[in-house]
C-alpha atoms as a PDB file:
ATOM      1  CA  MET A   1     -10.926   1.858 -20.799  1.00  0.00           C
ATOM      2  CA  SER A   2     -10.330  -1.221 -18.691  1.00  0.00           C
ATOM      3  CA  PHE A   3      -8.447  -1.354 -15.448  1.00  0.00           C
ATOM      4  CA  PRO A   4      -5.983  -4.092 -14.590  1.00  0.00           C
ATOM      5  CA  THR A   5      -7.309  -6.493 -12.012  1.00  0.00           C
ATOM      6  CA  GLU A   6      -5.447  -8.078  -9.184  1.00  0.00           C
ATOM      7  CA  PRO A   7      -4.478 -11.673  -9.874  1.00  0.00           C
ATOM      8  CA  THR A   8      -6.531 -14.194  -7.945  1.00  0.00           C
ATOM      9  CA  GLN A   9      -3.733 -16.738  -7.804  1.00  0.00           C
ATOM     10  CA  TYR A  10      -0.050 -16.297  -7.063  1.00  0.00           C
ATOM     11  CA  ASN A  11       2.733 -18.727  -7.802  1.00  0.00           C
ATOM     12  CA  LYS A  12       4.938 -19.419  -4.800  1.00  0.00           C
ATOM     13  CA  THR A  13       8.591 -19.198  -5.758  1.00  0.00           C
ATOM     14  CA  ILE A  14      11.930 -19.546  -4.028  1.00  0.00           C
ATOM     15  CA  PHE A  15      11.976 -15.737  -3.899  1.00  0.00           C
ATOM     16  CA  SER A  16       8.865 -15.724  -1.718  1.00  0.00           C
ATOM     17  CA  ASP A  17      10.598 -18.284   0.512  1.00  0.00           C
ATOM     18  CA  LEU A  18      13.608 -15.976   0.764  1.00  0.00           C
ATOM     19  CA  GLN A  19      11.432 -12.964   1.545  1.00  0.00           C
ATOM     20  CA  GLY A  20       9.599 -14.966   4.193  1.00  0.00           C
ATOM     21  CA  ALA A  21      12.842 -16.157   5.772  1.00  0.00           C
ATOM     22  CA  TRP A  22      14.140 -12.586   5.979  1.00  0.00           C
ATOM     23  CA  GLY A  23      10.874 -11.517   7.622  1.00  0.00           C
ATOM     24  CA  VAL A  24      11.027 -14.303  10.209  1.00  0.00           C
ATOM     25  CA  PHE A  25      14.684 -13.537  10.901  1.00  0.00           C
ATOM     26  CA  ARG A  26      14.006  -9.814  11.286  1.00  0.00           C
ATOM     27  CA  GLN A  27      11.162 -10.488  13.728  1.00  0.00           C
ATOM     28  CA  SER A  28      13.341 -12.837  15.769  1.00  0.00           C
ATOM     29  CA  VAL A  29      15.940 -10.071  16.120  1.00  0.00           C
ATOM     30  CA  ILE A  30      13.239  -7.627  17.236  1.00  0.00           C
ATOM     31  CA  ASP A  31      11.895 -10.188  19.727  1.00  0.00           C
ATOM     32  CA  ALA A  32      15.422 -10.724  21.118  1.00  0.00           C
ATOM     33  CA  TRP A  33      16.194  -6.996  21.212  1.00  0.00           C
ATOM     34  CA  GLY A  34      18.966  -6.035  23.562  1.00  0.00           C
ATOM     35  CA  PHE A  35      21.933  -8.091  22.450  1.00  0.00           C
ATOM     36  CA  PRO A  36      24.929  -5.944  21.429  1.00  0.00           C
ATOM     37  CA  GLY A  37      24.676  -4.769  17.834  1.00  0.00           C
ATOM     38  CA  CYS A  38      21.030  -5.733  17.336  1.00  0.00           C
ATOM     39  CA  ASP A  39      20.265  -2.273  15.944  1.00  0.00           C
ATOM     40  CA  LYS A  40      23.002  -2.713  13.317  1.00  0.00           C
ATOM     41  CA  VAL A  41      21.658  -6.170  12.474  1.00  0.00           C
ATOM     42  CA  VAL A  42      18.196  -4.717  11.758  1.00  0.00           C
ATOM     43  CA  PHE A  43      19.750  -1.974   9.628  1.00  0.00           C
ATOM     44  CA  HIS A  44      21.564  -4.547   7.490  1.00  0.00           C
ATOM     45  CA  ILE A  45      18.496  -6.807   7.314  1.00  0.00           C
ATOM     46  CA  ASP A  46      16.521  -3.889   5.898  1.00  0.00           C
ATOM     47  CA  GLU A  47      19.307  -3.233   3.420  1.00  0.00           C
ATOM     48  CA  ALA A  48      19.318  -6.902   2.376  1.00  0.00           C
ATOM     49  CA  MET A  49      15.546  -6.813   1.851  1.00  0.00           C
ATOM     50  CA  SER A  50      15.671  -3.594  -0.180  1.00  0.00           C
ATOM     51  CA  TRP A  51      14.587  -3.517  -3.798  1.00  0.00           C
ATOM     52  CA  GLU A  52      18.108  -2.660  -4.943  1.00  0.00           C
ATOM     53  CA  THR A  53      19.601  -5.728  -3.257  1.00  0.00           C
ATOM     54  CA  VAL A  54      16.861  -8.098  -4.393  1.00  0.00           C
ATOM     55  CA  ARG A  55      17.322  -6.909  -7.984  1.00  0.00           C
ATOM     56  CA  ASN A  56      21.054  -7.627  -7.714  1.00  0.00           C
ATOM     57  CA  LEU A  57      21.314 -10.723  -5.526  1.00  0.00           C
ATOM     58  CA  THR A  58      25.105 -10.676  -5.534  1.00  0.00           C
ATOM     59  CA  LEU A  59      24.846  -7.761  -3.084  1.00  0.00           C
ATOM     60  CA  MET A  60      23.052  -9.994  -0.566  1.00  0.00           C
ATOM     61  CA  SER A  61      25.892 -12.405   0.170  1.00  0.00           C
ATOM     62  CA  PRO A  62      28.210  -9.831   1.791  1.00  0.00           C
ATOM     63  CA  LEU A  63      25.286  -8.542   3.859  1.00  0.00           C
ATOM     64  CA  ILE A  64      24.565 -12.040   5.163  1.00  0.00           C
ATOM     65  CA  LEU A  65      28.219 -12.290   6.204  1.00  0.00           C
ATOM     66  CA  ILE A  66      28.147  -8.902   7.959  1.00  0.00           C
ATOM     67  CA  ILE A  67      24.919  -9.834   9.737  1.00  0.00           C
ATOM     68  CA  ARG A  68      26.330 -13.218  10.788  1.00  0.00           C
ATOM     69  CA  ASN A  69      29.457 -11.547  12.213  1.00  0.00           C
ATOM     70  CA  LEU A  70      27.388  -8.987  14.133  1.00  0.00           C
ATOM     71  CA  CYS A  71      25.180 -11.735  15.565  1.00  0.00           C
ATOM     72  CA  ILE A  72      28.167 -13.842  16.611  1.00  0.00           C
ATOM     73  CA  GLN A  73      29.965 -10.863  18.174  1.00  0.00           C
ATOM     74  CA  GLY A  74      26.767  -9.813  19.956  1.00  0.00           C
ATOM     75  CA  LYS A  75      26.093 -13.352  21.178  1.00  0.00           C
ATOM     76  CA  ALA A  76      22.640 -13.359  19.593  1.00  0.00           C
ATOM     77  CA  PRO A  77      20.225 -15.961  20.948  1.00  0.00           C
ATOM     78  CA  GLU A  78      20.106 -19.405  19.348  1.00  0.00           C
ATOM     79  CA  GLU A  79      16.737 -18.757  17.684  1.00  0.00           C
ATOM     80  CA  VAL A  80      18.153 -15.701  15.905  1.00  0.00           C
ATOM     81  CA  MET A  81      21.129 -17.715  14.677  1.00  0.00           C
ATOM     82  CA  GLU A  82      18.856 -20.534  13.467  1.00  0.00           C
ATOM     83  CA  ASN A  83      16.695 -18.072  11.550  1.00  0.00           C
ATOM     84  CA  LEU A  84      19.798 -16.523  10.006  1.00  0.00           C
ATOM     85  CA  GLU A  85      20.899 -19.988   8.903  1.00  0.00           C
ATOM     86  CA  ASP A  86      17.495 -20.460   7.231  1.00  0.00           C
ATOM     87  CA  VAL A  87      18.013 -17.205   5.300  1.00  0.00           C
ATOM     88  CA  SER A  88      21.484 -18.299   4.257  1.00  0.00           C
ATOM     89  CA  GLU A  89      20.330 -21.723   3.064  1.00  0.00           C
ATOM     90  CA  ILE A  90      17.462 -20.319   1.008  1.00  0.00           C
ATOM     91  CA  TYR A  91      19.751 -17.642  -0.422  1.00  0.00           C
ATOM     92  CA  ASP A  92      22.127 -20.406  -1.548  1.00  0.00           C
ATOM     93  CA  GLU A  93      19.204 -22.173  -3.248  1.00  0.00           C
ATOM     94  CA  VAL A  94      18.212 -18.964  -5.038  1.00  0.00           C
ATOM     95  CA  VAL A  95      21.763 -18.454  -6.255  1.00  0.00           C
ATOM     96  CA  LEU A  96      21.942 -22.019  -7.586  1.00  0.00           C
ATOM     97  CA  GLU A  97      18.561 -21.760  -9.336  1.00  0.00           C
ATOM     98  CA  HIS A  98      18.820 -18.274 -10.764  1.00  0.00           C
ATOM     99  CA  LEU A  99      22.465 -17.328 -10.982  1.00  0.00           C
ATOM    100  CA  GLY A 100      23.958 -20.702 -11.768  1.00  0.00           C
ATOM    101  CA  GLY A 101      26.021 -21.124  -8.633  1.00  0.00           C
END
């Protein structure tokens, strides 16, 4: 009986870019902790990064909007807003590539 081996090479895809952008954004929120609603932002980030949402990308768009509104209302620092914009741009690329717009 043979055991599957771990691949030695991985192909970087737009999905790994999206995952990375979410991770950077999440860390920037943690680093800027203390602005109003930051706890809710992290909750929704975790929801957006969940397996269920990634498997059905149409669920991600409303979460990005909710997160953006919470960040604006909470006057999140500029770095947080820039990282959120990166997530949004990569999400748009994923939608164009994989869902046809």
